[in-house]
Amino acid sequence: MSEEDRNWRELPLGATWRSSCEYLTGDWRTEHPIIDQEVCTRCLICFMYCPEGAIKWDEEKNLVSIDYDYCKGCGICADECPRKCIEMKRDE
């Protein structure tokens, strides 16, 4: 299996702490992620790695989105994306 073909099922088991679900923390960031929906394969690796639970998956629409009210701009989603379809942009 190539790096681009991996998905959340290949991730090792572990636990996450989603601390910002109760607090709006989006104004902490200096950069924000942008998803290229045409390149995204919905592997959900970004969703699994997001430490703040800011990445959402709408199963009905088959769409991955980012809740900027909670995204801290850490860039983990962009680093872990096997298709490199997430780009970090500077906040203005």
PDB file of N, CA and C in Angstrom:
ATOM      1  N   MET A   1       0.850  -1.181   0.000  1.00  0.00           N
ATOM      2  CA  MET A   1       0.000   0.000   0.000  1.00  0.00           C
ATOM      3  C   MET A   1       0.891   1.238   0.000  1.00  0.00           C
ATOM      4  N   SER A   2       0.613   2.141  -0.905  1.00  0.00           N
ATOM      5  CA  SER A   2       1.418   3.354  -0.989  1.00  0.00           C
ATOM      6  C   SER A   2       1.017   4.335   0.114  1.00  0.00           C
ATOM      7  N   GLU A   3       1.880   5.287   0.388  1.00  0.00           N
ATOM      8  CA  GLU A   3       1.625   6.314   1.395  1.00  0.00           C
ATOM      9  C   GLU A   3       0.331   7.061   1.093  1.00  0.00           C
ATOM     10  N   GLU A   4       0.064   7.329  -0.168  1.00  0.00           N
ATOM     11  CA  GLU A   4      -1.137   8.070  -0.557  1.00  0.00           C
ATOM     12  C   GLU A   4      -2.412   7.263  -0.341  1.00  0.00           C
ATOM     13  N   ASP A   5      -2.321   5.943  -0.317  1.00  0.00           N
ATOM     14  CA  ASP A   5      -3.501   5.096  -0.202  1.00  0.00           C
ATOM     15  C   ASP A   5      -3.874   4.741   1.227  1.00  0.00           C
ATOM     16  N   ARG A   6      -3.083   5.139   2.194  1.00  0.00           N
ATOM     17  CA  ARG A   6      -3.408   4.765   3.567  1.00  0.00           C
ATOM     18  C   ARG A   6      -4.631   5.535   4.045  1.00  0.00           C
ATOM     19  N   ASN A   7      -5.296   5.002   5.074  1.00  0.00           N
ATOM     20  CA  ASN A   7      -6.444   5.682   5.660  1.00  0.00           C
ATOM     21  C   ASN A   7      -6.444   5.453   7.158  1.00  0.00           C
ATOM     22  N   TRP A   8      -7.449   5.920   7.829  1.00  0.00           N
ATOM     23  CA  TRP A   8      -7.487   5.881   9.295  1.00  0.00           C
ATOM     24  C   TRP A   8      -7.412   4.470   9.850  1.00  0.00           C
ATOM     25  N   ARG A   9      -7.799   3.465   9.089  1.00  0.00           N
ATOM     26  CA  ARG A   9      -7.785   2.082   9.575  1.00  0.00           C
ATOM     27  C   ARG A   9      -6.366   1.566   9.827  1.00  0.00           C
ATOM     28  N   GLU A  10      -5.359   2.173   9.194  1.00  0.00           N
ATOM     29  CA  GLU A  10      -3.979   1.745   9.376  1.00  0.00           C
ATOM     30  C   GLU A  10      -3.287   2.426  10.558  1.00  0.00           C
ATOM     31  N   LEU A  11      -3.967   3.365  11.218  1.00  0.00           N
ATOM     32  CA  LEU A  11      -3.362   4.067  12.345  1.00  0.00           C
ATOM     33  C   LEU A  11      -3.289   3.147  13.562  1.00  0.00           C
ATOM     34  N   PRO A  12      -2.229   3.268  14.374  1.00  0.00           N
ATOM     35  CA  PRO A  12      -2.158   2.462  15.591  1.00  0.00           C
ATOM     36  C   PRO A  12      -3.235   2.896  16.574  1.00  0.00           C
ATOM     37  N   LEU A  13      -3.701   1.964  17.379  1.00  0.00           N
ATOM     38  CA  LEU A  13      -4.702   2.285  18.388  1.00  0.00           C
ATOM     39  C   LEU A  13      -4.122   3.243  19.410  1.00  0.00           C
ATOM     40  N   GLY A  14      -4.939   4.135  19.887  1.00  0.00           N
ATOM     41  CA  GLY A  14      -4.502   5.109  20.873  1.00  0.00           C
ATOM     42  C   GLY A  14      -5.687   5.911  21.357  1.00  0.00           C
ATOM     43  N   ALA A  15      -5.411   6.896  22.145  1.00  0.00           N
ATOM     44  CA  ALA A  15      -6.472   7.742  22.683  1.00  0.00           C
ATOM     45  C   ALA A  15      -6.159   9.190  22.371  1.00  0.00           C
ATOM     46  N   THR A  16      -7.198   9.993  22.260  1.00  0.00           N
ATOM     47  CA  THR A  16      -7.018  11.425  22.062  1.00  0.00           C
ATOM     48  C   THR A  16      -7.792  12.179  23.130  1.00  0.00           C
ATOM     49  N   TRP A  17      -7.340  13.360  23.418  1.00  0.00           N
ATOM     50  CA  TRP A  17      -8.007  14.249  24.359  1.00  0.00           C
ATOM     51  C   TRP A  17      -8.467  15.454  23.567  1.00  0.00           C
ATOM     52  N   ARG A  18      -9.736  15.674  23.497  1.00  0.00           N
ATOM     53  CA  ARG A  18     -10.300  16.744  22.673  1.00  0.00           C
ATOM     54  C   ARG A  18     -10.715  17.901  23.583  1.00  0.00           C
ATOM     55  N   SER A  19      -9.730  18.630  24.057  1.00  0.00           N
ATOM     56  CA  SER A  19      -9.957  19.648  25.083  1.00  0.00           C
ATOM     57  C   SER A  19     -10.731  20.859  24.607  1.00  0.00           C
ATOM     58  N   SER A  20     -10.586  21.256  23.356  1.00  0.00           N
ATOM     59  CA  SER A  20     -11.204  22.513  22.939  1.00  0.00           C
ATOM     60  C   SER A  20     -12.667  22.365  22.557  1.00  0.00           C
ATOM     61  N   CYS A  21     -13.226  21.178  22.666  1.00  0.00           N
ATOM     62  CA  CYS A  21     -14.637  20.995  22.321  1.00  0.00           C
ATOM     63  C   CYS A  21     -15.540  21.862  23.191  1.00  0.00           C
ATOM     64  N   GLU A  22     -15.066  22.240  24.350  1.00  0.00           N
ATOM     65  CA  GLU A  22     -15.868  23.067  25.249  1.00  0.00           C
ATOM     66  C   GLU A  22     -15.505  24.546  25.177  1.00  0.00           C
ATOM     67  N   TYR A  23     -14.417  24.885  24.497  1.00  0.00           N
ATOM     68  CA  TYR A  23     -13.933  26.261  24.475  1.00  0.00           C
ATOM     69  C   TYR A  23     -13.612  26.683  23.042  1.00  0.00           C
ATOM     70  N   LEU A  24     -14.001  27.880  22.680  1.00  0.00           N
ATOM     71  CA  LEU A  24     -13.637  28.413  21.371  1.00  0.00           C
ATOM     72  C   LEU A  24     -12.182  28.838  21.427  1.00  0.00           C
ATOM     73  N   THR A  25     -11.341  28.183  20.642  1.00  0.00           N
ATOM     74  CA  THR A  25      -9.898  28.436  20.687  1.00  0.00           C
ATOM     75  C   THR A  25      -9.342  28.860  19.330  1.00  0.00           C
ATOM     76  N   GLY A  26     -10.211  29.062  18.346  1.00  0.00           N
ATOM     77  CA  GLY A  26      -9.762  29.380  17.002  1.00  0.00           C
ATOM     78  C   GLY A  26      -9.009  30.685  16.868  1.00  0.00           C
ATOM     79  N   ASP A  27      -9.213  31.608  17.788  1.00  0.00           N
ATOM     80  CA  ASP A  27      -8.512  32.892  17.674  1.00  0.00           C
ATOM     81  C   ASP A  27      -7.073  32.815  18.183  1.00  0.00           C
ATOM     82  N   TRP A  28      -6.606  31.633  18.552  1.00  0.00           N
ATOM     83  CA  TRP A  28      -5.223  31.452  18.989  1.00  0.00           C
ATOM     84  C   TRP A  28      -4.274  31.300  17.810  1.00  0.00           C
ATOM     85  N   ARG A  29      -4.780  30.969  16.646  1.00  0.00           N
ATOM     86  CA  ARG A  29      -3.907  30.555  15.546  1.00  0.00           C
ATOM     87  C   ARG A  29      -3.361  31.737  14.742  1.00  0.00           C
ATOM     88  N   THR A  30      -2.257  31.459  14.037  1.00  0.00           N
ATOM     89  CA  THR A  30      -1.688  32.417  13.087  1.00  0.00           C
ATOM     90  C   THR A  30      -1.804  31.888  11.657  1.00  0.00           C
ATOM     91  N   GLU A  31      -2.078  30.584  11.514  1.00  0.00           N
ATOM     92  CA  GLU A  31      -2.299  29.965  10.212  1.00  0.00           C
ATOM     93  C   GLU A  31      -3.551  29.108  10.287  1.00  0.00           C
ATOM     94  N   HIS A  32      -4.163  28.874   9.141  1.00  0.00           N
ATOM     95  CA  HIS A  32      -5.345  28.008   9.108  1.00  0.00           C
ATOM     96  C   HIS A  32      -5.233  27.040   7.930  1.00  0.00           C
ATOM     97  N   PRO A  33      -5.759  25.812   8.094  1.00  0.00           N
ATOM     98  CA  PRO A  33      -5.688  24.828   7.024  1.00  0.00           C
ATOM     99  C   PRO A  33      -6.816  25.021   6.010  1.00  0.00           C
ATOM    100  N   ILE A  34      -6.481  24.779   4.750  1.00  0.00           N
ATOM    101  CA  ILE A  34      -7.442  24.794   3.654  1.00  0.00           C
ATOM    102  C   ILE A  34      -7.375  23.417   2.987  1.00  0.00           C
ATOM    103  N   ILE A  35      -8.531  22.774   2.810  1.00  0.00           N
ATOM    104  CA  ILE A  35      -8.587  21.450   2.192  1.00  0.00           C
ATOM    105  C   ILE A  35      -8.948  21.583   0.719  1.00  0.00           C
ATOM    106  N   ASP A  36      -8.167  20.964  -0.139  1.00  0.00           N
ATOM    107  CA  ASP A  36      -8.496  20.875  -1.558  1.00  0.00           C
ATOM    108  C   ASP A  36      -9.437  19.679  -1.721  1.00  0.00           C
ATOM    109  N   GLN A  37     -10.724  19.944  -1.801  1.00  0.00           N
ATOM    110  CA  GLN A  37     -11.732  18.887  -1.830  1.00  0.00           C
ATOM    111  C   GLN A  37     -11.614  18.001  -3.077  1.00  0.00           C
ATOM    112  N   GLU A  38     -11.042  18.521  -4.141  1.00  0.00           N
ATOM    113  CA  GLU A  38     -10.907  17.726  -5.362  1.00  0.00           C
ATOM    114  C   GLU A  38      -9.808  16.672  -5.242  1.00  0.00           C
ATOM    115  N   VAL A  39      -8.840  16.906  -4.385  1.00  0.00           N
ATOM    116  CA  VAL A  39      -7.737  15.970  -4.191  1.00  0.00           C
ATOM    117  C   VAL A  39      -8.002  15.049  -2.998  1.00  0.00           C
ATOM    118  N   CYS A  40      -8.773  15.514  -2.028  1.00  0.00           N
ATOM    119  CA  CYS A  40      -9.058  14.759  -0.802  1.00  0.00           C
ATOM    120  C   CYS A  40      -9.782  13.454  -1.126  1.00  0.00           C
ATOM    121  N   THR A  41      -9.302  12.349  -0.537  1.00  0.00           N
ATOM    122  CA  THR A  41      -9.911  11.028  -0.742  1.00  0.00           C
ATOM    123  C   THR A  41     -10.779  10.610   0.442  1.00  0.00           C
ATOM    124  N   ARG A  42     -10.948  11.481   1.422  1.00  0.00           N
ATOM    125  CA  ARG A  42     -11.747  11.194   2.626  1.00  0.00           C
ATOM    126  C   ARG A  42     -11.166  10.012   3.405  1.00  0.00           C
ATOM    127  N   CYS A  43      -9.839   9.949   3.472  1.00  0.00           N
ATOM    128  CA  CYS A  43      -9.180   8.890   4.237  1.00  0.00           C
ATOM    129  C   CYS A  43      -9.366   9.109   5.740  1.00  0.00           C
ATOM    130  N   LEU A  44      -9.649  10.337   6.140  1.00  0.00           N
ATOM    131  CA  LEU A  44      -9.928  10.749   7.523  1.00  0.00           C
ATOM    132  C   LEU A  44      -8.721  10.689   8.448  1.00  0.00           C
ATOM    133  N   ILE A  45      -7.528  10.614   7.896  1.00  0.00           N
ATOM    134  CA  ILE A  45      -6.336  10.660   8.744  1.00  0.00           C
ATOM    135  C   ILE A  45      -6.246  12.025   9.436  1.00  0.00           C
ATOM    136  N   CYS A  46      -6.579  13.095   8.730  1.00  0.00           N
ATOM    137  CA  CYS A  46      -6.571  14.432   9.345  1.00  0.00           C
ATOM    138  C   CYS A  46      -7.540  14.483  10.524  1.00  0.00           C
ATOM    139  N   PHE A  47      -8.701  13.899  10.356  1.00  0.00           N
ATOM    140  CA  PHE A  47      -9.728  13.833  11.403  1.00  0.00           C
ATOM    141  C   PHE A  47      -9.196  13.104  12.637  1.00  0.00           C
ATOM    142  N   MET A  48      -8.515  11.987  12.403  1.00  0.00           N
ATOM    143  CA  MET A  48      -8.009  11.175  13.510  1.00  0.00           C
ATOM    144  C   MET A  48      -6.852  11.852  14.240  1.00  0.00           C
ATOM    145  N   TYR A  49      -6.023  12.600  13.531  1.00  0.00           N
ATOM    146  CA  TYR A  49      -4.860  13.237  14.145  1.00  0.00           C
ATOM    147  C   TYR A  49      -5.161  14.601  14.767  1.00  0.00           C
ATOM    148  N   CYS A  50      -6.248  15.238  14.399  1.00  0.00           N
ATOM    149  CA  CYS A  50      -6.538  16.572  14.924  1.00  0.00           C
ATOM    150  C   CYS A  50      -6.688  16.525  16.441  1.00  0.00           C
ATOM    151  N   PRO A  51      -5.817  17.214  17.183  1.00  0.00           N
ATOM    152  CA  PRO A  51      -5.885  17.149  18.643  1.00  0.00           C
ATOM    153  C   PRO A  51      -7.046  17.943  19.231  1.00  0.00           C
ATOM    154  N   GLU A  52      -7.715  18.747  18.429  1.00  0.00           N
ATOM    155  CA  GLU A  52      -8.775  19.605  18.952  1.00  0.00           C
ATOM    156  C   GLU A  52     -10.177  19.239  18.467  1.00  0.00           C
ATOM    157  N   GLY A  53     -10.287  18.227  17.648  1.00  0.00           N
ATOM    158  CA  GLY A  53     -11.603  17.840  17.153  1.00  0.00           C
ATOM    159  C   GLY A  53     -12.201  18.878  16.217  1.00  0.00           C
ATOM    160  N   ALA A  54     -11.355  19.649  15.552  1.00  0.00           N
ATOM    161  CA  ALA A  54     -11.823  20.730  14.683  1.00  0.00           C
ATOM    162  C   ALA A  54     -12.160  20.249  13.279  1.00  0.00           C
ATOM    163  N   ILE A  55     -11.742  19.052  12.937  1.00  0.00           N
ATOM    164  CA  ILE A  55     -12.029  18.532  11.600  1.00  0.00           C
ATOM    165  C   ILE A  55     -13.294  17.690  11.683  1.00  0.00           C
ATOM    166  N   LYS A  56     -14.206  17.979  10.782  1.00  0.00           N
ATOM    167  CA  LYS A  56     -15.512  17.320  10.770  1.00  0.00           C
ATOM    168  C   LYS A  56     -15.681  16.545   9.474  1.00  0.00           C
ATOM    169  N   TRP A  57     -16.405  15.441   9.543  1.00  0.00           N
ATOM    170  CA  TRP A  57     -16.731  14.660   8.363  1.00  0.00           C
ATOM    171  C   TRP A  57     -18.232  14.517   8.280  1.00  0.00           C
ATOM    172  N   ASP A  58     -18.803  15.020   7.206  1.00  0.00           N
ATOM    173  CA  ASP A  58     -20.231  14.882   6.939  1.00  0.00           C
ATOM    174  C   ASP A  58     -20.399  13.648   6.065  1.00  0.00           C
ATOM    175  N   GLU A  59     -20.825  12.562   6.688  1.00  0.00           N
ATOM    176  CA  GLU A  59     -20.921  11.293   5.972  1.00  0.00           C
ATOM    177  C   GLU A  59     -21.946  11.356   4.840  1.00  0.00           C
ATOM    178  N   GLU A  60     -23.044  12.044   5.051  1.00  0.00           N
ATOM    179  CA  GLU A  60     -24.077  12.145   4.026  1.00  0.00           C
ATOM    180  C   GLU A  60     -23.573  12.874   2.784  1.00  0.00           C
ATOM    181  N   LYS A  61     -22.839  13.961   2.980  1.00  0.00           N
ATOM    182  CA  LYS A  61     -22.305  14.743   1.864  1.00  0.00           C
ATOM    183  C   LYS A  61     -20.924  14.264   1.427  1.00  0.00           C
ATOM    184  N   ASN A  62     -20.332  13.334   2.208  1.00  0.00           N
ATOM    185  CA  ASN A  62     -18.971  12.847   1.971  1.00  0.00           C
ATOM    186  C   ASN A  62     -18.011  14.030   1.842  1.00  0.00           C
ATOM    187  N   LEU A  63     -18.036  14.879   2.856  1.00  0.00           N
ATOM    188  CA  LEU A  63     -17.267  16.112   2.841  1.00  0.00           C
ATOM    189  C   LEU A  63     -16.498  16.273   4.151  1.00  0.00           C
ATOM    190  N   VAL A  64     -15.224  16.594   4.047  1.00  0.00           N
ATOM    191  CA  VAL A  64     -14.392  16.888   5.212  1.00  0.00           C
ATOM    192  C   VAL A  64     -14.280  18.406   5.316  1.00  0.00           C
ATOM    193  N   SER A  65     -14.509  18.944   6.506  1.00  0.00           N
ATOM    194  CA  SER A  65     -14.435  20.389   6.703  1.00  0.00           C
ATOM    195  C   SER A  65     -13.711  20.697   8.003  1.00  0.00           C
ATOM    196  N   ILE A  66     -13.413  21.966   8.205  1.00  0.00           N
ATOM    197  CA  ILE A  66     -12.699  22.405   9.403  1.00  0.00           C
ATOM    198  C   ILE A  66     -13.538  23.444  10.115  1.00  0.00           C
ATOM    199  N   ASP A  67     -13.735  23.239  11.403  1.00  0.00           N
ATOM    200  CA  ASP A  67     -14.454  24.196  12.226  1.00  0.00           C
ATOM    201  C   ASP A  67     -13.423  25.178  12.773  1.00  0.00           C
ATOM    202  N   TYR A  68     -13.351  26.341  12.145  1.00  0.00           N
ATOM    203  CA  TYR A  68     -12.326  27.326  12.504  1.00  0.00           C
ATOM    204  C   TYR A  68     -12.549  27.957  13.876  1.00  0.00           C
ATOM    205  N   ASP A  69     -13.703  27.747  14.474  1.00  0.00           N
ATOM    206  CA  ASP A  69     -13.914  28.216  15.847  1.00  0.00           C
ATOM    207  C   ASP A  69     -13.021  27.459  16.825  1.00  0.00           C
ATOM    208  N   TYR A  70     -12.619  26.228  16.447  1.00  0.00           N
ATOM    209  CA  TYR A  70     -11.824  25.384  17.328  1.00  0.00           C
ATOM    210  C   TYR A  70     -10.413  25.101  16.818  1.00  0.00           C
ATOM    211  N   CYS A  71     -10.162  25.294  15.533  1.00  0.00           N
ATOM    212  CA  CYS A  71      -8.844  25.014  14.957  1.00  0.00           C
ATOM    213  C   CYS A  71      -7.806  25.995  15.496  1.00  0.00           C
ATOM    214  N   LYS A  72      -6.713  25.446  16.042  1.00  0.00           N
ATOM    215  CA  LYS A  72      -5.631  26.273  16.577  1.00  0.00           C
ATOM    216  C   LYS A  72      -4.526  26.512  15.556  1.00  0.00           C
ATOM    217  N   GLY A  73      -4.646  25.911  14.373  1.00  0.00           N
ATOM    218  CA  GLY A  73      -3.647  26.132  13.326  1.00  0.00           C
ATOM    219  C   GLY A  73      -2.342  25.408  13.555  1.00  0.00           C
ATOM    220  N   CYS A  74      -2.382  24.272  14.224  1.00  0.00           N
ATOM    221  CA  CYS A  74      -1.147  23.551  14.541  1.00  0.00           C
ATOM    222  C   CYS A  74      -0.499  22.926  13.302  1.00  0.00           C
ATOM    223  N   GLY A  75      -1.286  22.623  12.269  1.00  0.00           N
ATOM    224  CA  GLY A  75      -0.744  22.067  11.044  1.00  0.00           C
ATOM    225  C   GLY A  75      -0.549  20.561  11.045  1.00  0.00           C
ATOM    226  N   ILE A  76      -0.951  19.885  12.100  1.00  0.00           N
ATOM    227  CA  ILE A  76      -0.804  18.427  12.144  1.00  0.00           C
ATOM    228  C   ILE A  76      -1.585  17.785  11.001  1.00  0.00           C
ATOM    229  N   CYS A  77      -2.763  18.295  10.714  1.00  0.00           N
ATOM    230  CA  CYS A  77      -3.576  17.735   9.630  1.00  0.00           C
ATOM    231  C   CYS A  77      -2.828  17.813   8.301  1.00  0.00           C
ATOM    232  N   ALA A  78      -2.209  18.935   8.023  1.00  0.00           N
ATOM    233  CA  ALA A  78      -1.460  19.109   6.774  1.00  0.00           C
ATOM    234  C   ALA A  78      -0.234  18.203   6.736  1.00  0.00           C
ATOM    235  N   ASP A  79       0.453  18.064   7.861  1.00  0.00           N
ATOM    236  CA  ASP A  79       1.634  17.200   7.920  1.00  0.00           C
ATOM    237  C   ASP A  79       1.284  15.731   7.719  1.00  0.00           C
ATOM    238  N   GLU A  80       0.152  15.301   8.256  1.00  0.00           N
ATOM    239  CA  GLU A  80      -0.215  13.885   8.217  1.00  0.00           C
ATOM    240  C   GLU A  80      -0.987  13.485   6.968  1.00  0.00           C
ATOM    241  N   CYS A  81      -1.504  14.423   6.219  1.00  0.00           N
ATOM    242  CA  CYS A  81      -2.306  14.102   5.032  1.00  0.00           C
ATOM    243  C   CYS A  81      -1.449  13.375   3.991  1.00  0.00           C
ATOM    244  N   PRO A  82      -1.792  12.130   3.648  1.00  0.00           N
ATOM    245  CA  PRO A  82      -0.986  11.394   2.685  1.00  0.00           C
ATOM    246  C   PRO A  82      -1.101  11.937   1.259  1.00  0.00           C
ATOM    247  N   ARG A  83      -2.170  12.631   0.938  1.00  0.00           N
ATOM    248  CA  ARG A  83      -2.363  13.211  -0.400  1.00  0.00           C
ATOM    249  C   ARG A  83      -1.860  14.653  -0.480  1.00  0.00           C
ATOM    250  N   LYS A  84      -1.471  15.209   0.665  1.00  0.00           N
ATOM    251  CA  LYS A  84      -0.991  16.602   0.744  1.00  0.00           C
ATOM    252  C   LYS A  84      -2.019  17.578   0.167  1.00  0.00           C
ATOM    253  N   CYS A  85      -3.288  17.327   0.475  1.00  0.00           N
ATOM    254  CA  CYS A  85      -4.352  18.195  -0.030  1.00  0.00           C
ATOM    255  C   CYS A  85      -4.754  19.266   0.986  1.00  0.00           C
ATOM    256  N   ILE A  86      -4.038  19.341   2.107  1.00  0.00           N
ATOM    257  CA  ILE A  86      -4.295  20.381   3.102  1.00  0.00           C
ATOM    258  C   ILE A  86      -3.106  21.328   3.118  1.00  0.00           C
ATOM    259  N   GLU A  87      -3.397  22.597   2.904  1.00  0.00           N
ATOM    260  CA  GLU A  87      -2.355  23.622   2.868  1.00  0.00           C
ATOM    261  C   GLU A  87      -2.602  24.611   4.004  1.00  0.00           C
ATOM    262  N   MET A  88      -1.532  24.984   4.670  1.00  0.00           N
ATOM    263  CA  MET A  88      -1.637  25.983   5.729  1.00  0.00           C
ATOM    264  C   MET A  88      -1.466  27.371   5.131  1.00  0.00           C
ATOM    265  N   LYS A  89      -2.405  28.250   5.435  1.00  0.00           N
ATOM    266  CA  LYS A  89      -2.384  29.643   4.949  1.00  0.00           C
ATOM    267  C   LYS A  89      -2.273  30.569   6.142  1.00  0.00           C
ATOM    268  N   ARG A  90      -1.514  31.615   5.979  1.00  0.00           N
ATOM    269  CA  ARG A  90      -1.333  32.624   7.026  1.00  0.00           C
ATOM    270  C   ARG A  90      -2.632  33.379   7.256  1.00  0.00           C
ATOM    271  N   ASP A  91      -3.032  33.536   8.519  1.00  0.00           N
ATOM    272  CA  ASP A  91      -4.190  34.372   8.854  1.00  0.00           C
ATOM    273  C   ASP A  91      -3.865  35.833   8.602  1.00  0.00           C
ATOM    274  N   GLU A  92      -4.855  36.573   8.172  1.00  0.00           N
ATOM    275  CA  GLU A  92      -4.640  38.003   7.932  1.00  0.00           C
ATOM    276  C   GLU A  92      -5.423  38.841   8.909  1.00  0.00           C
TER     277      GLU A  92
END
